[in-house]
Each structure stands twice: as structure tokens, then as C-alpha cells.
Protein backbone atom coordinates (compact mmCIF):
# COMPACT_ATOMS: atom_id res chain seq x y z
CA UNK A 1 12.75 1.90 -3.89
CA UNK A 2 9.87 3.33 -5.86
CA UNK A 3 6.24 2.21 -5.88
CA UNK A 4 4.55 1.68 -9.23
CA UNK A 5 0.77 1.84 -9.68
CA UNK A 6 -0.62 -0.87 -11.97
CA UNK A 7 -4.22 0.28 -12.48
CA UNK A 8 -5.06 -2.61 -14.79
CA UNK A 9 -4.17 -5.22 -12.13
CA UNK A 10 -5.34 -2.93 -9.29
CA UNK A 11 -2.16 -3.03 -7.28
CA UNK A 12 0.87 -1.08 -6.21
CA UNK A 13 4.23 -2.81 -6.56
CA UNK A 14 7.74 -2.19 -5.29
CA UNK A 15 10.89 -3.92 -6.50
CA UNK A 16 13.12 -5.24 -3.71
CA UNK A 17 16.35 -6.67 -5.08
CA UNK A 18 14.60 -8.03 -8.17
CA UNK A 19 11.57 -9.36 -6.30
CA UNK A 20 8.10 -7.85 -6.13
CA UNK A 21 6.25 -6.69 -3.03
CA UNK A 22 2.66 -5.59 -3.57
CA UNK A 23 -0.46 -3.96 -2.19
CA UNK A 24 -3.67 -5.09 -3.89
CA UNK A 25 -6.83 -2.99 -3.94
CA UNK A 26 -10.31 -2.82 -5.38
CA UNK A 27 -12.24 0.28 -6.40
CA UNK A 28 -15.80 0.89 -5.23
CA UNK A 29 -17.67 4.18 -5.79
CA UNK A 30 -14.44 6.06 -6.47
CA UNK A 31 -12.79 4.88 -3.25
CA UNK A 32 -9.81 2.57 -3.10
CA UNK A 33 -10.02 -0.41 -0.72
CA UNK A 34 -6.55 -1.68 0.19
CA UNK A 35 -7.23 -5.40 0.59
CA UNK A 36 -3.88 -7.17 0.80
CA UNK A 37 -0.17 -6.53 1.21
CA UNK A 38 2.64 -8.98 0.57
CA UNK A 39 6.41 -9.01 0.79
CA UNK A 40 8.26 -12.17 -0.35
CA UNK A 41 8.64 -14.40 2.72
CA UNK A 42 12.46 -14.37 2.88
CA UNK A 43 12.45 -10.54 2.82
CA UNK A 44 10.03 -10.11 5.72
CA UNK A 45 11.04 -8.66 9.06
CA UNK A 46 13.36 -6.07 7.52
CA UNK A 47 10.99 -3.11 7.30
CA UNK A 48 10.14 -3.58 3.63
CA UNK A 49 6.41 -4.03 4.34
CA UNK A 50 6.16 -0.75 6.21
CA UNK A 51 8.08 1.06 3.43
CA UNK A 52 5.82 -0.51 0.81
CA UNK A 53 2.63 0.55 2.59
CA UNK A 54 3.82 4.08 3.36
CA UNK A 55 5.04 4.60 -0.21
CA UNK A 56 1.68 3.25 -1.43
CA UNK A 57 -0.10 5.82 0.77
CA UNK A 58 2.09 8.58 -0.69
CA UNK A 59 1.52 7.40 -4.27
CA UNK A 60 -2.26 7.13 -3.98
CA UNK A 61 -2.39 10.55 -2.30
CA UNK A 62 -0.25 12.01 -5.08
CA UNK A 63 -2.74 10.57 -7.60
CA UNK A 64 -5.73 12.08 -5.75
CA UNK A 65 -7.23 8.98 -4.15
CA UNK A 66 -8.48 8.34 -0.64
CA UNK A 67 -8.49 4.79 0.62
CA UNK A 68 -9.93 2.39 3.13
CA UNK A 69 -7.52 -0.01 4.82
CA UNK A 70 -9.06 -3.50 4.78
CA UNK A 71 -5.86 -5.52 5.37
CA UNK A 72 -4.93 -5.71 9.07
CA UNK A 73 -1.27 -4.85 8.44
CA UNK A 74 -2.16 -1.83 6.30
CA UNK A 75 -4.56 -0.65 9.06
CA UNK A 76 -1.76 -0.94 11.61
CA UNK A 77 0.67 1.12 9.55
CA UNK A 78 -2.02 3.77 8.93
CA UNK A 79 -2.88 4.05 12.64
CA UNK A 80 0.73 4.50 13.71
CA UNK A 81 1.03 7.89 12.00
CA UNK A 82 -1.30 10.89 12.13
CA UNK A 83 0.01 11.79 8.68
CA UNK A 84 -2.43 9.34 7.06
CA UNK A 85 -5.63 10.10 9.04
CA UNK A 86 -7.22 12.27 6.36
CA UNK A 87 -6.37 9.86 3.54
CA UNK A 88 -6.75 6.35 4.96
CA UNK A 89 -9.92 5.20 6.72
């Protein structure tokens, strides 16, 4: 599963069996604020949310961004791994 960056809609998306999971963001002073994450309700509880968020972190890092986790779930995923400390506030 690959994450796509839709800059026009300010979100990262991931296809899960033909359905879309997403992380929304807003830009402010060159910093990305990760405001919301969503996995379709019937696909929750299977680890897709964590994969989505971690792949989003990798993608935004690859593209040269740093980010601030606003969404509680995104904050939780970021805190659980030292790997993201320098990228996600």
C-alpha cells in the first residue's frame, strides 16, 4: 500500500482494497500541520491507521517537510517511535 500526496486537497491518501484512508493537513509558515486521520469504519482495528500515518511520515520526510501532529491519533503514533522525533512535533 502506497501513500499518495494530494497537495491541492492538502492530504495524503492510501488505497485499502479500493477504499480511501486519509491524513489531512494544513500549511502554515512552511510547516505542515497534520490535523485529521481517517480509515473507513469497517476497516478499523486492523492496523491500517498506523500504516497510513507511518507511511505519511515517510512520504512527507521524503518530500522535505517537517510536521506538527495536531490529531490525537497521529500524535500517539509519532510518540511511539523515536524515528519520528526530529520530523514530527
